[in-house]
PDB file of N, CA and C in Angstrom:
ATOM      1  N   MET A   1     179.709  -4.792 156.208  1.00  0.00           N
ATOM      2  CA  MET A   1     179.083  -5.842 155.247  1.00  0.00           C
ATOM      3  C   MET A   1     179.512  -7.219 155.615  1.00  0.00           C
ATOM      4  N   GLN A   2     178.700  -7.951 155.986  1.00  0.00           N
ATOM      5  CA  GLN A   2     179.303  -9.237 155.815  1.00  0.00           C
ATOM      6  C   GLN A   2     179.470 -10.094 154.804  1.00  0.00           C
ATOM      7  N   MET A   3     181.000 -10.835 154.170  1.00  0.00           N
ATOM      8  CA  MET A   3     180.968 -11.661 153.321  1.00  0.00           C
ATOM      9  C   MET A   3     180.472 -13.320 153.587  1.00  0.00           C
ATOM     10  N   ALA A   4     179.598 -13.731 152.650  1.00  0.00           N
ATOM     11  CA  ALA A   4     179.382 -15.127 152.761  1.00  0.00           C
ATOM     12  C   ALA A   4     180.554 -15.763 152.638  1.00  0.00           C
ATOM     13  N   LEU A   5     180.548 -17.386 153.110  1.00  0.00           N
ATOM     14  CA  LEU A   5     181.846 -18.310 153.050  1.00  0.00           C
ATOM     15  C   LEU A   5     182.007 -18.354 151.663  1.00  0.00           C
ATOM     16  N   PRO A   6     180.802 -19.002 150.683  1.00  0.00           N
ATOM     17  CA  PRO A   6     180.890 -19.644 149.696  1.00  0.00           C
ATOM     18  C   PRO A   6     181.760 -17.710 148.750  1.00  0.00           C
ATOM     19  N   VAL A   7     181.268 -17.070 149.001  1.00  0.00           N
ATOM     20  CA  VAL A   7     182.017 -15.730 148.014  1.00  0.00           C
ATOM     21  C   VAL A   7     183.370 -15.565 148.516  1.00  0.00           C
ATOM     22  N   LEU A   8     183.623 -15.902 150.094  1.00  0.00           N
ATOM     23  CA  LEU A   8     185.206 -15.808 149.988  1.00  0.00           C
ATOM     24  C   LEU A   8     185.903 -16.793 149.677  1.00  0.00           C
ATOM     25  N   ILE A   9     185.333 -17.879 149.920  1.00  0.00           N
ATOM     26  CA  ILE A   9     186.292 -18.953 149.274  1.00  0.00           C
ATOM     27  C   ILE A   9     186.484 -19.110 147.577  1.00  0.00           C
ATOM     28  N   ILE A  10     185.614 -18.513 146.460  1.00  0.00           N
ATOM     29  CA  ILE A  10     185.706 -18.395 145.216  1.00  0.00           C
ATOM     30  C   ILE A  10     186.336 -17.014 144.883  1.00  0.00           C
ATOM     31  N   SER A  11     186.469 -15.871 145.874  1.00  0.00           N
ATOM     32  CA  SER A  11     187.138 -14.617 145.818  1.00  0.00           C
ATOM     33  C   SER A  11     189.213 -14.974 146.255  1.00  0.00           C
ATOM     34  N   ILE A  12     189.014 -16.504 147.131  1.00  0.00           N
ATOM     35  CA  ILE A  12     190.289 -16.467 147.223  1.00  0.00           C
ATOM     36  C   ILE A  12     190.844 -17.237 145.834  1.00  0.00           C
ATOM     37  N   LEU A  13     190.371 -18.255 145.910  1.00  0.00           N
ATOM     38  CA  LEU A  13     190.742 -19.097 144.634  1.00  0.00           C
ATOM     39  C   LEU A  13     190.825 -18.350 143.277  1.00  0.00           C
ATOM     40  N   LEU A  14     190.067 -17.036 143.098  1.00  0.00           N
ATOM     41  CA  LEU A  14     189.938 -16.528 141.716  1.00  0.00           C
ATOM     42  C   LEU A  14     191.176 -15.729 142.291  1.00  0.00           C
ATOM     43  N   PHE A  15     191.400 -14.515 142.971  1.00  0.00           N
ATOM     44  CA  PHE A  15     192.683 -13.864 143.133  1.00  0.00           C
ATOM     45  C   PHE A  15     194.126 -15.054 142.663  1.00  0.00           C
ATOM     46  N   PHE A  16     194.075 -16.037 143.533  1.00  0.00           N
ATOM     47  CA  PHE A  16     195.693 -16.977 143.620  1.00  0.00           C
ATOM     48  C   PHE A  16     195.218 -17.231 142.069  1.00  0.00           C
ATOM     49  N   VAL A  17     194.382 -17.257 141.473  1.00  0.00           N
ATOM     50  CA  VAL A  17     194.697 -18.115 139.932  1.00  0.00           C
ATOM     51  C   VAL A  17     194.784 -16.625 139.084  1.00  0.00           C
ATOM     52  N   LEU A  18     194.578 -15.884 139.302  1.00  0.00           N
ATOM     53  CA  LEU A  18     194.275 -14.390 138.543  1.00  0.00           C
ATOM     54  C   LEU A  18     196.031 -14.653 138.380  1.00  0.00           C
ATOM     55  N   PHE A  19     196.415 -13.851 140.098  1.00  0.00           N
ATOM     56  CA  PHE A  19     197.468 -13.327 139.664  1.00  0.00           C
ATOM     57  C   PHE A  19     198.913 -14.447 139.329  1.00  0.00           C
ATOM     58  N   PHE A  20     198.297 -15.751 140.084  1.00  0.00           N
ATOM     59  CA  PHE A  20     199.159 -16.583 139.334  1.00  0.00           C
ATOM     60  C   PHE A  20     199.347 -16.649 137.966  1.00  0.00           C
ATOM     61  N   GLY A  21     198.211 -16.357 137.115  1.00  0.00           N
ATOM     62  CA  GLY A  21     198.166 -16.679 135.661  1.00  0.00           C
ATOM     63  C   GLY A  21     199.112 -15.435 134.790  1.00  0.00           C
ATOM     64  N   ILE A  22     198.878 -13.766 135.662  1.00  0.00           N
ATOM     65  CA  ILE A  22     199.223 -12.828 135.427  1.00  0.00           C
ATOM     66  C   ILE A  22     201.262 -12.851 135.641  1.00  0.00           C
ATOM     67  N   GLY A  23     201.546 -13.253 137.043  1.00  0.00           N
ATOM     68  CA  GLY A  23     202.774 -13.858 137.223  1.00  0.00           C
ATOM     69  C   GLY A  23     203.391 -14.408 136.037  1.00  0.00           C
ATOM     70  N   PHE A  24     202.777 -15.755 135.832  1.00  0.00           N
ATOM     71  CA  PHE A  24     203.208 -16.681 134.621  1.00  0.00           C
ATOM     72  C   PHE A  24     203.587 -15.667 133.688  1.00  0.00           C
ATOM     73  N   ILE A  25     202.499 -15.334 133.248  1.00  0.00           N
ATOM     74  CA  ILE A  25     202.845 -15.069 131.759  1.00  0.00           C
ATOM     75  C   ILE A  25     204.200 -13.903 131.641  1.00  0.00           C
ATOM     76  N   LEU A  26     203.741 -12.533 132.604  1.00  0.00           N
ATOM     77  CA  LEU A  26     204.995 -12.088 133.013  1.00  0.00           C
ATOM     78  C   LEU A  26     206.509 -12.644 132.910  1.00  0.00           C
ATOM     79  N   ASN A  27     206.612 -13.213 133.567  1.00  0.00           N
ATOM     80  CA  ASN A  27     208.176 -14.608 133.775  1.00  0.00           C
ATOM     81  C   ASN A  27     208.310 -14.893 132.407  1.00  0.00           C
ATOM     82  N   MET A  28     207.063 -15.181 131.880  1.00  0.00           N
ATOM     83  CA  MET A  28     207.665 -15.853 130.663  1.00  0.00           C
ATOM     84  C   MET A  28     207.977 -15.064 129.585  1.00  0.00           C
ATOM     85  N   LEU A  29     207.343 -13.788 129.646  1.00  0.00           N
ATOM     86  CA  LEU A  29     207.697 -12.647 128.632  1.00  0.00           C
ATOM     87  C   LEU A  29     208.613 -11.902 129.159  1.00  0.00           C
ATOM     88  N   LEU A  30     208.817 -11.630 130.462  1.00  0.00           N
ATOM     89  CA  LEU A  30     210.335 -10.570 130.630  1.00  0.00           C
ATOM     90  C   LEU A  30     211.147 -11.466 131.166  1.00  0.00           C
ATOM     91  N   ARG A  31     211.167 -12.749 131.526  1.00  0.00           N
ATOM     92  CA  ARG A  31     212.330 -13.669 131.883  1.00  0.00           C
ATOM     93  C   ARG A  31     213.017 -13.160 133.190  1.00  0.00           C
ATOM     94  N   MET A  32     211.938 -12.281 134.244  1.00  0.00           N
ATOM     95  CA  MET A  32     212.256 -11.689 135.434  1.00  0.00           C
ATOM     96  C   MET A  32     211.362 -12.562 136.666  1.00  0.00           C
ATOM     97  N   THR A  33     211.924 -13.599 137.112  1.00  0.00           N
ATOM     98  CA  THR A  33     210.986 -13.950 137.745  1.00  0.00           C
ATOM     99  C   THR A  33     210.239 -13.834 138.806  1.00  0.00           C
ATOM    100  N   TRP A  34     210.507 -12.771 139.832  1.00  0.00           N
ATOM    101  CA  TRP A  34     209.971 -12.255 140.645  1.00  0.00           C
ATOM    102  C   TRP A  34     209.671 -11.048 140.327  1.00  0.00           C
ATOM    103  N   ILE A  35     209.262 -10.287 139.002  1.00  0.00           N
ATOM    104  CA  ILE A  35     208.826  -9.424 138.504  1.00  0.00           C
ATOM    105  C   ILE A  35     207.302  -9.089 139.266  1.00  0.00           C
ATOM    106  N   MET A  36     206.454  -9.702 138.814  1.00  0.00           N
ATOM    107  CA  MET A  36     205.012  -9.295 140.188  1.00  0.00           C
ATOM    108  C   MET A  36     204.852  -9.522 140.849  1.00  0.00           C
ATOM    109  N   ALA A  37     205.580  -9.792 141.537  1.00  0.00           N
ATOM    110  CA  ALA A  37     206.072 -10.128 143.081  1.00  0.00           C
ATOM    111  C   ALA A  37     206.253  -8.788 143.899  1.00  0.00           C
ATOM    112  N   ILE A  38     206.863  -8.393 142.884  1.00  0.00           N
ATOM    113  CA  ILE A  38     207.320  -6.825 143.205  1.00  0.00           C
ATOM    114  C   ILE A  38     206.484  -5.668 142.533  1.00  0.00           C
ATOM    115  N   VAL A  39     205.682  -6.151 141.874  1.00  0.00           N
ATOM    116  CA  VAL A  39     204.456  -4.999 141.342  1.00  0.00           C
ATOM    117  C   VAL A  39     203.450  -5.523 141.658  1.00  0.00           C
ATOM    118  N   TYR A  40     203.166  -6.214 142.652  1.00  0.00           N
ATOM    119  CA  TYR A  40     201.713  -6.550 143.186  1.00  0.00           C
ATOM    120  C   TYR A  40     201.518  -5.608 144.465  1.00  0.00           C
ATOM    121  N   PRO A  41     202.578  -5.306 144.910  1.00  0.00           N
ATOM    122  CA  PRO A  41     202.012  -4.116 145.945  1.00  0.00           C
ATOM    123  C   PRO A  41     201.270  -2.541 145.860  1.00  0.00           C
ATOM    124  N   ILE A  42     201.797  -2.638 144.413  1.00  0.00           N
ATOM    125  CA  ILE A  42     201.220  -1.474 143.912  1.00  0.00           C
ATOM    126  C   ILE A  42     199.798  -1.797 143.407  1.00  0.00           C
ATOM    127  N   VAL A  43     199.842  -2.722 142.358  1.00  0.00           N
ATOM    128  CA  VAL A  43     198.405  -3.630 142.382  1.00  0.00           C
ATOM    129  C   VAL A  43     197.768  -3.664 143.421  1.00  0.00           C
ATOM    130  N   ALA A  44     198.143  -3.831 144.508  1.00  0.00           N
ATOM    131  CA  ALA A  44     196.905  -3.822 145.529  1.00  0.00           C
ATOM    132  C   ALA A  44     196.507  -2.644 146.276  1.00  0.00           C
ATOM    133  N   ILE A  45     197.310  -1.610 146.293  1.00  0.00           N
ATOM    134  CA  ILE A  45     197.353  -0.156 146.699  1.00  0.00           C
ATOM    135  C   ILE A  45     196.455   0.287 145.745  1.00  0.00           C
ATOM    136  N   LEU A  46     195.791   0.071 143.972  1.00  0.00           N
ATOM    137  CA  LEU A  46     195.322   0.706 143.373  1.00  0.00           C
ATOM    138  C   LEU A  46     193.461   0.240 143.613  1.00  0.00           C
ATOM    139  N   ILE A  47     193.748  -1.238 144.010  1.00  0.00           N
ATOM    140  CA  ILE A  47     192.670  -2.056 144.172  1.00  0.00           C
ATOM    141  C   ILE A  47     192.074  -1.265 145.464  1.00  0.00           C
ATOM    142  N   ILE A  48     192.916  -1.198 146.375  1.00  0.00           N
ATOM    143  CA  ILE A  48     192.431  -0.506 148.082  1.00  0.00           C
ATOM    144  C   ILE A  48     191.747   0.690 147.984  1.00  0.00           C
ATOM    145  N   ASP A  49     192.604   1.515 147.416  1.00  0.00           N
ATOM    146  CA  ASP A  49     192.663   3.250 147.412  1.00  0.00           C
ATOM    147  C   ASP A  49     191.910   3.661 145.958  1.00  0.00           C
ATOM    148  N   GLU A  50     191.286   4.588 146.712  1.00  0.00           N
ATOM    149  CA  GLU A  50     190.663   5.743 145.887  1.00  0.00           C
ATOM    150  C   GLU A  50     191.096   6.481 145.135  1.00  0.00           C
ATOM    151  N   VAL A  51     192.102   6.940 145.593  1.00  0.00           N
ATOM    152  CA  VAL A  51     193.196   8.121 145.021  1.00  0.00           C
ATOM    153  C   VAL A  51     193.647   7.706 144.148  1.00  0.00           C
ATOM    154  N   ARG A  52     193.371   9.003 142.890  1.00  0.00           N
ATOM    155  CA  ARG A  52     194.472   8.396 141.352  1.00  0.00           C
ATOM    156  C   ARG A  52     195.844   8.543 141.735  1.00  0.00           C
ATOM    157  N   PHE A  53     196.554   7.709 141.031  1.00  0.00           N
ATOM    158  CA  PHE A  53     197.576   7.012 140.923  1.00  0.00           C
ATOM    159  C   PHE A  53     198.523   8.516 141.032  1.00  0.00           C
ATOM    160  N   LEU A  54     198.391   9.598 140.097  1.00  0.00           N
ATOM    161  CA  LEU A  54     199.109  10.651 140.051  1.00  0.00           C
ATOM    162  C   LEU A  54     199.165  11.383 141.031  1.00  0.00           C
ATOM    163  N   ASP A  55     197.964  11.421 142.049  1.00  0.00           N
ATOM    164  CA  ASP A  55     197.781  12.163 143.545  1.00  0.00           C
ATOM    165  C   ASP A  55     199.661  11.609 144.028  1.00  0.00           C
ATOM    166  N   TYR A  56     199.648  10.521 144.280  1.00  0.00           N
ATOM    167  CA  TYR A  56     200.666  10.251 144.879  1.00  0.00           C
ATOM    168  C   TYR A  56     201.827  11.005 144.826  1.00  0.00           C
ATOM    169  N   PHE A  57     202.246  11.475 143.560  1.00  0.00           N
ATOM    170  CA  PHE A  57     203.326  12.408 143.131  1.00  0.00           C
ATOM    171  C   PHE A  57     203.118  13.653 143.247  1.00  0.00           C
ATOM    172  N   THR A  58     201.494  14.207 143.236  1.00  0.00           N
ATOM    173  CA  THR A  58     201.339  15.592 143.229  1.00  0.00           C
ATOM    174  C   THR A  58     201.062  15.787 144.852  1.00  0.00           C
ATOM    175  N   ASN A  59     200.004  15.104 145.559  1.00  0.00           N
ATOM    176  CA  ASN A  59     199.806  15.399 146.800  1.00  0.00           C
ATOM    177  C   ASN A  59     200.179  14.146 147.711  1.00  0.00           C
ATOM    178  N   PRO A  60     201.274  13.991 148.133  1.00  0.00           N
ATOM    179  CA  PRO A  60     201.823  13.041 148.805  1.00  0.00           C
ATOM    180  C   PRO A  60     201.179  12.482 150.294  1.00  0.00           C
ATOM    181  N   GLY A  61     201.135  13.660 150.828  1.00  0.00           N
ATOM    182  CA  GLY A  61     200.757  13.550 152.064  1.00  0.00           C
ATOM    183  C   GLY A  61     199.316  13.427 152.126  1.00  0.00           C
ATOM    184  N   HIS A  62     198.776  14.396 151.518  1.00  0.00           N
ATOM    185  CA  HIS A  62     197.696  13.550 151.690  1.00  0.00           C
ATOM    186  C   HIS A  62     196.943  12.415 151.183  1.00  0.00           C
ATOM    187  N   SER A  63     197.183  11.664 150.178  1.00  0.00           N
ATOM    188  CA  SER A  63     197.174  10.435 149.066  1.00  0.00           C
ATOM    189  C   SER A  63     197.750   9.710 150.129  1.00  0.00           C
ATOM    190  N   PHE A  64     198.699   9.615 150.936  1.00  0.00           N
ATOM    191  CA  PHE A  64     199.142   8.777 151.610  1.00  0.00           C
ATOM    192  C   PHE A  64     198.917   8.900 153.216  1.00  0.00           C
ATOM    193  N   HIS A  65     198.221   9.559 153.883  1.00  0.00           N
ATOM    194  CA  HIS A  65     197.220   9.484 154.661  1.00  0.00           C
ATOM    195  C   HIS A  65     195.834   8.791 154.457  1.00  0.00           C
ATOM    196  N   LEU A  66     195.545   9.041 153.298  1.00  0.00           N
ATOM    197  CA  LEU A  66     193.777   8.347 153.250  1.00  0.00           C
ATOM    198  C   LEU A  66     194.323   6.937 152.862  1.00  0.00           C
ATOM    199  N   LEU A  67     195.521   6.457 152.281  1.00  0.00           N
ATOM    200  CA  LEU A  67     195.751   5.353 152.322  1.00  0.00           C
ATOM    201  C   LEU A  67     196.015   4.594 153.032  1.00  0.00           C
ATOM    202  N   GLY A  68     196.574   4.883 154.286  1.00  0.00           N
ATOM    203  CA  GLY A  68     197.040   4.474 155.392  1.00  0.00           C
ATOM    204  C   GLY A  68     195.453   4.147 156.641  1.00  0.00           C
ATOM    205  N   GLU A  69     194.408   5.062 155.824  1.00  0.00           N
ATOM    206  CA  GLU A  69     193.292   4.944 156.879  1.00  0.00           C
ATOM    207  C   GLU A  69     192.466   4.268 156.250  1.00  0.00           C
ATOM    208  N   LYS A  70     192.410   3.802 154.787  1.00  0.00           N
ATOM    209  CA  LYS A  70     191.940   2.856 153.788  1.00  0.00           C
ATOM    210  C   LYS A  70     192.223   1.408 154.679  1.00  0.00           C
ATOM    211  N   ILE A  71     193.672   1.086 154.520  1.00  0.00           N
ATOM    212  CA  ILE A  71     194.309  -0.050 154.923  1.00  0.00           C
ATOM    213  C   ILE A  71     193.680  -0.399 155.738  1.00  0.00           C
ATOM    214  N   THR A  72     193.597   0.715 157.193  1.00  0.00           N
ATOM    215  CA  THR A  72     193.855   0.370 158.731  1.00  0.00           C
ATOM    216  C   THR A  72     192.110  -0.254 158.810  1.00  0.00           C
ATOM    217  N   ARG A  73     190.981   0.293 157.479  1.00  0.00           N
ATOM    218  CA  ARG A  73     189.759  -0.010 157.788  1.00  0.00           C
ATOM    219  C   ARG A  73     189.456  -1.241 157.114  1.00  0.00           C
ATOM    220  N   LEU A  74     190.444  -1.677 156.358  1.00  0.00           N
ATOM    221  CA  LEU A  74     189.819  -3.128 155.536  1.00  0.00           C
ATOM    222  C   LEU A  74     189.800  -4.394 156.572  1.00  0.00           C
ATOM    223  N   HIS A  75     188.811  -5.255 156.283  1.00  0.00           N
ATOM    224  CA  HIS A  75     188.060  -6.214 157.030  1.00  0.00           C
ATOM    225  C   HIS A  75     189.009  -7.394 156.570  1.00  0.00           C
ATOM    226  N   THR A  76     189.013  -8.423 157.420  1.00  0.00           N
ATOM    227  CA  THR A  76     189.561  -9.768 157.666  1.00  0.00           C
ATOM    228  C   THR A  76     189.307 -10.413 156.629  1.00  0.00           C
ATOM    229  N   PRO A  77     188.511 -10.372 155.817  1.00  0.00           N
ATOM    230  CA  PRO A  77     188.038 -11.078 154.764  1.00  0.00           C
ATOM    231  C   PRO A  77     188.929 -10.069 153.193  1.00  0.00           C
ATOM    232  N   ASP A  78     188.855  -9.198 153.388  1.00  0.00           N
ATOM    233  CA  ASP A  78     189.598  -8.500 152.310  1.00  0.00           C
ATOM    234  C   ASP A  78     190.985  -8.670 152.487  1.00  0.00           C
ATOM    235  N   ILE A  79     191.833  -8.750 153.477  1.00  0.00           N
ATOM    236  CA  ILE A  79     193.166  -8.711 153.468  1.00  0.00           C
ATOM    237  C   ILE A  79     193.430 -10.194 153.400  1.00  0.00           C
ATOM    238  N   ILE A  80     192.301 -11.126 153.368  1.00  0.00           N
ATOM    239  CA  ILE A  80     192.572 -12.733 153.080  1.00  0.00           C
ATOM    240  C   ILE A  80     193.044 -12.836 151.575  1.00  0.00           C
ATOM    241  N   ILE A  81     191.434 -11.923 150.746  1.00  0.00           N
ATOM    242  CA  ILE A  81     191.641 -11.881 149.630  1.00  0.00           C
ATOM    243  C   ILE A  81     193.102 -11.334 148.645  1.00  0.00           C
ATOM    244  N   LEU A  82     193.344 -10.750 149.273  1.00  0.00           N
ATOM    245  CA  LEU A  82     194.494  -9.329 148.973  1.00  0.00           C
ATOM    246  C   LEU A  82     196.023 -10.931 149.027  1.00  0.00           C
ATOM    247  N   ILE A  83     195.860 -10.963 150.349  1.00  0.00           N
ATOM    248  CA  ILE A  83     197.398 -11.832 150.422  1.00  0.00           C
ATOM    249  C   ILE A  83     196.984 -13.031 149.364  1.00  0.00           C
ATOM    250  N   SER A  84     195.963 -13.937 149.286  1.00  0.00           N
ATOM    251  CA  SER A  84     195.952 -14.845 148.245  1.00  0.00           C
ATOM    252  C   SER A  84     196.051 -14.464 147.090  1.00  0.00           C
ATOM    253  N   GLY A  85     196.207 -13.466 146.075  1.00  0.00           N
ATOM    254  CA  GLY A  85     196.736 -12.854 145.553  1.00  0.00           C
ATOM    255  C   GLY A  85     198.192 -12.861 145.141  1.00  0.00           C
ATOM    256  N   PHE A  86     198.615 -12.400 146.609  1.00  0.00           N
ATOM    257  CA  PHE A  86     200.282 -12.078 146.838  1.00  0.00           C
ATOM    258  C   PHE A  86     200.946 -13.359 146.672  1.00  0.00           C
ATOM    259  N   LEU A  87     200.378 -14.273 147.247  1.00  0.00           N
ATOM    260  CA  LEU A  87     200.972 -15.655 147.471  1.00  0.00           C
ATOM    261  C   LEU A  87     200.521 -16.588 145.494  1.00  0.00           C
ATOM    262  N   GLY A  88     199.683 -16.210 145.256  1.00  0.00           N
ATOM    263  CA  GLY A  88     199.508 -16.494 143.841  1.00  0.00           C
ATOM    264  C   GLY A  88     200.833 -15.944 142.958  1.00  0.00           C
ATOM    265  N   THR A  89     201.142 -14.454 143.247  1.00  0.00           N
ATOM    266  CA  THR A  89     202.632 -14.330 142.587  1.00  0.00           C
ATOM    267  C   THR A  89     204.061 -15.156 142.621  1.00  0.00           C
ATOM    268  N   ILE A  90     203.896 -15.170 144.244  1.00  0.00           N
ATOM    269  CA  ILE A  90     204.850 -16.311 144.809  1.00  0.00           C
ATOM    270  C   ILE A  90     205.045 -17.327 144.149  1.00  0.00           C
ATOM    271  N   VAL A  91     203.822 -18.110 144.372  1.00  0.00           N
ATOM    272  CA  VAL A  91     203.957 -19.390 143.817  1.00  0.00           C
ATOM    273  C   VAL A  91     204.094 -19.475 142.094  1.00  0.00           C
ATOM    274  N   ALA A  92     203.901 -18.743 141.317  1.00  0.00           N
ATOM    275  CA  ALA A  92     203.948 -18.134 140.237  1.00  0.00           C
ATOM    276  C   ALA A  92     205.659 -18.020 139.998  1.00  0.00           C
ATOM    277  N   GLY A  93     206.622 -17.518 140.919  1.00  0.00           N
ATOM    278  CA  GLY A  93     207.887 -16.934 140.699  1.00  0.00           C
ATOM    279  C   GLY A  93     208.280 -18.583 141.189  1.00  0.00           C
ATOM    280  N   ILE A  94     208.124 -19.350 142.205  1.00  0.00           N
ATOM    281  CA  ILE A  94     208.520 -20.608 142.447  1.00  0.00           C
ATOM    282  C   ILE A  94     208.406 -21.688 141.324  1.00  0.00           C
ATOM    283  N   VAL A  95     207.003 -21.710 140.255  1.00  0.00           N
ATOM    284  CA  VAL A  95     206.799 -22.754 139.674  1.00  0.00           C
ATOM    285  C   VAL A  95     208.349 -22.050 138.493  1.00  0.00           C
ATOM    286  N   MET A  96     208.161 -21.085 138.078  1.00  0.00           N
ATOM    287  CA  MET A  96     209.333 -20.377 137.005  1.00  0.00           C
ATOM    288  C   MET A  96     210.507 -20.995 137.383  1.00  0.00           C
ATOM    289  N   ARG A  97     210.867 -20.931 138.134  1.00  0.00           N
ATOM    290  CA  ARG A  97     212.208 -21.566 138.898  1.00  0.00           C
ATOM    291  C   ARG A  97     212.236 -22.933 138.733  1.00  0.00           C
ATOM    292  N   ILE A  98     211.587 -23.641 139.315  1.00  0.00           N
ATOM    293  CA  ILE A  98     211.752 -25.113 138.676  1.00  0.00           C
ATOM    294  C   ILE A  98     211.462 -25.711 137.237  1.00  0.00           C
ATOM    295  N   LEU A  99     210.608 -24.800 136.610  1.00  0.00           N
ATOM    296  CA  LEU A  99     210.709 -25.071 135.383  1.00  0.00           C
ATOM    297  C   LEU A  99     212.174 -24.601 134.716  1.00  0.00           C
ATOM    298  N   ARG A 100     212.686 -24.063 135.030  1.00  0.00           N
ATOM    299  CA  ARG A 100     213.688 -23.484 134.182  1.00  0.00           C
ATOM    300  C   ARG A 100     214.931 -24.952 134.982  1.00  0.00           C
ATOM    301  N   LYS A 101     214.869 -24.777 136.252  1.00  0.00           N
ATOM    302  CA  LYS A 101     215.730 -25.829 136.856  1.00  0.00           C
ATOM    303  C   LYS A 101     215.661 -27.205 135.814  1.00  0.00           C
ATOM    304  N   LYS A 102     214.452 -27.244 135.731  1.00  0.00           N
ATOM    305  CA  LYS A 102     214.315 -28.606 134.894  1.00  0.00           C
ATOM    306  C   LYS A 102     214.769 -28.511 133.534  1.00  0.00           C
ATOM    307  N   GLY A 103     214.842 -27.330 132.956  1.00  0.00           N
ATOM    308  CA  GLY A 103     215.520 -27.640 131.186  1.00  0.00           C
ATOM    309  C   GLY A 103     214.487 -26.470 130.497  1.00  0.00           C
ATOM    310  N   TYR A 104     213.607 -26.420 130.799  1.00  0.00           N
ATOM    311  CA  TYR A 104     212.908 -25.496 129.946  1.00  0.00           C
ATOM    312  C   TYR A 104     213.307 -24.357 129.676  1.00  0.00           C
ATOM    313  N   ARG A 105     213.405 -24.114 128.235  1.00  0.00           N
ATOM    314  CA  ARG A 105     214.415 -23.192 128.309  1.00  0.00           C
ATOM    315  C   ARG A 105     213.090 -21.666 128.136  1.00  0.00           C
ATOM    316  N   MET A 106     211.952 -21.833 127.557  1.00  0.00           N
ATOM    317  CA  MET A 106     211.123 -20.662 127.096  1.00  0.00           C
ATOM    318  C   MET A 106     211.001 -19.733 128.439  1.00  0.00           C
ATOM    319  N   PHE A 107     210.882 -20.679 129.524  1.00  0.00           N
ATOM    320  CA  PHE A 107     210.799 -20.185 130.691  1.00  0.00           C
ATOM    321  C   PHE A 107     212.069 -19.498 131.391  1.00  0.00           C
TER     322      PHE A 107
END
């Protein structure tokens, strides 16, 4: 299924802003700069795959096989959207470091 260009652009911005915001809030609350960048791959796997999270522990061979198939079948727009979410988490970490360096103590 083809994705229209306006839908792609809106999705990229939405994922970037969404994960920037989540990363910013988690960084503020937990005071761990890169926590969301570490957690994001797990979130992306949960978005991509249709296997229950518990199945990765109870039946790992089958679950990871399905995950590999699903990842290889991703289309370019889907990959771009997921990468924009990851970039949002990276930018949130960079912004936190800059704010802390400038003396904002709550960050």
